[in-house]
N, C-alpha and C. Protein backbone atom coordinates (compact mmCIF):
# COMPACT_ATOMS: atom_id res chain seq x y z
N MET A 1 -13.56 84.01 -65.34
CA MET A 1 -14.44 82.92 -65.02
C MET A 1 -13.65 81.62 -64.85
N VAL A 2 -12.70 81.39 -65.76
CA VAL A 2 -11.91 80.15 -65.68
C VAL A 2 -11.04 80.15 -64.43
N THR A 3 -10.49 81.30 -64.07
CA THR A 3 -9.66 81.39 -62.87
C THR A 3 -10.47 81.02 -61.63
N ALA A 4 -11.67 81.54 -61.51
CA ALA A 4 -12.53 81.21 -60.37
C ALA A 4 -12.88 79.72 -60.40
N PHE A 5 -13.14 79.19 -61.58
CA PHE A 5 -13.48 77.76 -61.70
C PHE A 5 -12.33 76.89 -61.22
N VAL A 6 -11.11 77.17 -61.67
CA VAL A 6 -9.97 76.35 -61.27
C VAL A 6 -9.72 76.47 -59.77
N LYS A 7 -9.83 77.67 -59.22
CA LYS A 7 -9.58 77.86 -57.79
C LYS A 7 -10.62 77.14 -56.93
N ARG A 8 -11.86 77.07 -57.39
CA ARG A 8 -12.92 76.42 -56.61
C ARG A 8 -13.05 74.93 -56.88
N LYS A 9 -12.77 74.52 -58.10
CA LYS A 9 -13.06 73.14 -58.50
C LYS A 9 -11.82 72.30 -58.79
N HIS A 10 -10.62 72.80 -58.49
CA HIS A 10 -9.44 71.99 -58.82
C HIS A 10 -9.55 70.63 -58.15
N ASN A 11 -9.18 69.62 -58.89
CA ASN A 11 -9.29 68.26 -58.37
C ASN A 11 -8.00 67.46 -58.56
N THR A 12 -6.95 68.12 -59.00
CA THR A 12 -5.67 67.46 -59.21
C THR A 12 -4.56 68.38 -58.72
N ASP A 13 -3.69 67.85 -57.91
CA ASP A 13 -2.50 68.58 -57.49
C ASP A 13 -1.28 67.83 -57.99
N THR A 14 -0.33 68.56 -58.46
CA THR A 14 0.92 67.95 -58.91
C THR A 14 2.06 68.85 -58.50
N ALA A 15 3.24 68.32 -58.52
CA ALA A 15 4.42 69.11 -58.19
C ALA A 15 5.48 68.86 -59.26
N ARG A 16 6.12 69.93 -59.68
CA ARG A 16 7.22 69.84 -60.63
C ARG A 16 8.34 70.74 -60.11
N ASN A 17 9.51 70.18 -59.93
CA ASN A 17 10.66 70.94 -59.45
C ASN A 17 10.36 71.71 -58.16
N GLY A 18 9.57 71.10 -57.28
CA GLY A 18 9.26 71.72 -56.00
C GLY A 18 8.11 72.71 -56.02
N PHE A 19 7.51 72.96 -57.17
CA PHE A 19 6.38 73.88 -57.27
C PHE A 19 5.08 73.10 -57.23
N GLN A 20 4.16 73.49 -56.35
CA GLN A 20 2.84 72.88 -56.31
C GLN A 20 1.96 73.53 -57.38
N ILE A 21 1.25 72.73 -58.13
CA ILE A 21 0.38 73.23 -59.19
C ILE A 21 -1.00 72.63 -59.00
N GLN A 22 -2.00 73.49 -58.89
CA GLN A 22 -3.38 73.04 -58.79
C GLN A 22 -3.99 73.05 -60.18
N MET A 23 -4.67 71.95 -60.53
CA MET A 23 -5.28 71.84 -61.85
C MET A 23 -6.67 71.25 -61.73
N PHE A 24 -7.45 71.46 -62.77
CA PHE A 24 -8.71 70.75 -62.91
C PHE A 24 -8.51 69.72 -64.01
N GLN A 25 -8.88 68.49 -63.73
CA GLN A 25 -8.79 67.43 -64.72
C GLN A 25 -10.20 67.02 -65.09
N GLY A 26 -10.47 66.91 -66.39
CA GLY A 26 -11.79 66.49 -66.85
C GLY A 26 -11.69 65.73 -68.15
N GLY A 27 -12.83 65.36 -68.67
CA GLY A 27 -12.87 64.63 -69.93
C GLY A 27 -12.94 63.14 -69.71
N PRO A 28 -13.06 62.40 -70.79
CA PRO A 28 -13.12 60.94 -70.68
C PRO A 28 -11.77 60.37 -70.26
N PRO A 29 -11.77 59.20 -69.60
CA PRO A 29 -10.51 58.64 -69.09
C PRO A 29 -9.44 58.42 -70.16
N HIS A 30 -9.85 58.13 -71.38
CA HIS A 30 -8.88 57.87 -72.44
C HIS A 30 -8.35 59.14 -73.09
N GLU A 31 -8.96 60.29 -72.79
CA GLU A 31 -8.51 61.55 -73.40
C GLU A 31 -8.75 62.71 -72.43
N PRO A 32 -8.07 62.70 -71.27
CA PRO A 32 -8.31 63.77 -70.29
C PRO A 32 -7.71 65.10 -70.72
N TYR A 33 -8.26 66.16 -70.18
CA TYR A 33 -7.67 67.48 -70.39
C TYR A 33 -7.44 68.11 -69.02
N PHE A 34 -6.55 69.08 -68.98
CA PHE A 34 -6.19 69.73 -67.74
C PHE A 34 -6.25 71.24 -67.94
N ILE A 35 -6.70 71.93 -66.89
CA ILE A 35 -6.74 73.39 -66.90
C ILE A 35 -5.94 73.86 -65.70
N ALA A 36 -5.05 74.81 -65.92
CA ALA A 36 -4.25 75.38 -64.84
C ALA A 36 -4.10 76.88 -65.09
N ILE A 37 -3.66 77.58 -64.06
CA ILE A 37 -3.41 79.03 -64.15
C ILE A 37 -1.93 79.25 -63.88
N ASN A 38 -1.25 80.00 -64.75
CA ASN A 38 0.17 80.25 -64.50
C ASN A 38 0.34 81.45 -63.58
N ASN A 39 1.59 81.81 -63.31
CA ASN A 39 1.86 82.89 -62.36
C ASN A 39 1.48 84.27 -62.89
N LYS A 40 1.11 84.36 -64.16
CA LYS A 40 0.66 85.63 -64.74
C LYS A 40 -0.87 85.63 -64.91
N ASP A 41 -1.53 84.70 -64.22
CA ASP A 41 -2.99 84.53 -64.29
C ASP A 41 -3.48 84.23 -65.70
N GLN A 42 -2.65 83.57 -66.50
CA GLN A 42 -3.05 83.13 -67.82
C GLN A 42 -3.55 81.70 -67.73
N VAL A 43 -4.58 81.40 -68.48
CA VAL A 43 -5.17 80.07 -68.49
C VAL A 43 -4.37 79.16 -69.40
N ILE A 44 -4.11 77.95 -68.93
CA ILE A 44 -3.42 76.94 -69.72
C ILE A 44 -4.34 75.73 -69.79
N ILE A 45 -4.68 75.32 -70.99
CA ILE A 45 -5.50 74.14 -71.20
C ILE A 45 -4.69 73.20 -72.08
N GLY A 46 -4.51 71.98 -71.61
CA GLY A 46 -3.71 71.04 -72.37
C GLY A 46 -4.23 69.62 -72.26
N PRO A 47 -3.87 68.78 -73.22
CA PRO A 47 -4.32 67.40 -73.20
C PRO A 47 -3.48 66.51 -72.28
N SER A 48 -2.36 67.01 -71.80
CA SER A 48 -1.45 66.19 -71.01
C SER A 48 -1.03 66.93 -69.74
N LYS A 49 -1.11 66.23 -68.61
CA LYS A 49 -0.71 66.86 -67.35
C LYS A 49 0.76 67.28 -67.39
N LYS A 50 1.61 66.46 -67.99
CA LYS A 50 3.04 66.78 -68.05
C LYS A 50 3.27 68.06 -68.84
N ILE A 51 2.57 68.23 -69.96
CA ILE A 51 2.73 69.45 -70.77
C ILE A 51 2.28 70.67 -69.97
N VAL A 52 1.13 70.56 -69.32
CA VAL A 52 0.62 71.69 -68.53
C VAL A 52 1.57 72.01 -67.38
N ALA A 53 2.01 70.98 -66.65
CA ALA A 53 2.91 71.21 -65.52
C ALA A 53 4.23 71.82 -65.97
N THR A 54 4.77 71.33 -67.06
CA THR A 54 6.02 71.88 -67.57
C THR A 54 5.85 73.33 -67.97
N HIS A 55 4.72 73.67 -68.58
CA HIS A 55 4.47 75.05 -68.98
C HIS A 55 4.37 75.96 -67.75
N VAL A 56 3.63 75.52 -66.75
CA VAL A 56 3.47 76.34 -65.54
C VAL A 56 4.81 76.50 -64.84
N VAL A 57 5.55 75.42 -64.68
CA VAL A 57 6.84 75.49 -64.00
C VAL A 57 7.81 76.35 -64.80
N GLY A 58 7.78 76.26 -66.10
CA GLY A 58 8.62 77.11 -66.93
C GLY A 58 8.36 78.57 -66.68
N GLU A 59 7.11 78.95 -66.55
CA GLU A 59 6.74 80.34 -66.25
C GLU A 59 7.27 80.74 -64.88
N LEU A 60 7.17 79.86 -63.90
CA LEU A 60 7.62 80.19 -62.56
C LEU A 60 9.14 80.31 -62.49
N GLU A 61 9.85 79.44 -63.19
CA GLU A 61 11.30 79.46 -63.13
C GLU A 61 11.89 80.74 -63.74
N VAL A 62 11.16 81.35 -64.64
CA VAL A 62 11.63 82.61 -65.24
C VAL A 62 11.75 83.67 -64.16
N LEU A 63 10.87 83.66 -63.18
CA LEU A 63 10.87 84.68 -62.12
C LEU A 63 11.85 84.38 -61.00
N VAL A 64 12.32 83.16 -60.91
CA VAL A 64 13.20 82.76 -59.80
C VAL A 64 14.61 83.21 -60.03
């Protein structure tokens, strides 16, 4: 369900080390959260875009 939600409702794109990452950003402006899917289709939910992006990119770099 979360995978379908992120794919349909993503509203934030970011890039880390040349990798494009689609995320959903929500929550109040002072405390946003981000949801992303890594390359193993695992859900990542974090309070910081940098933490989420680093986690996703870390997963991708393992395969490169």
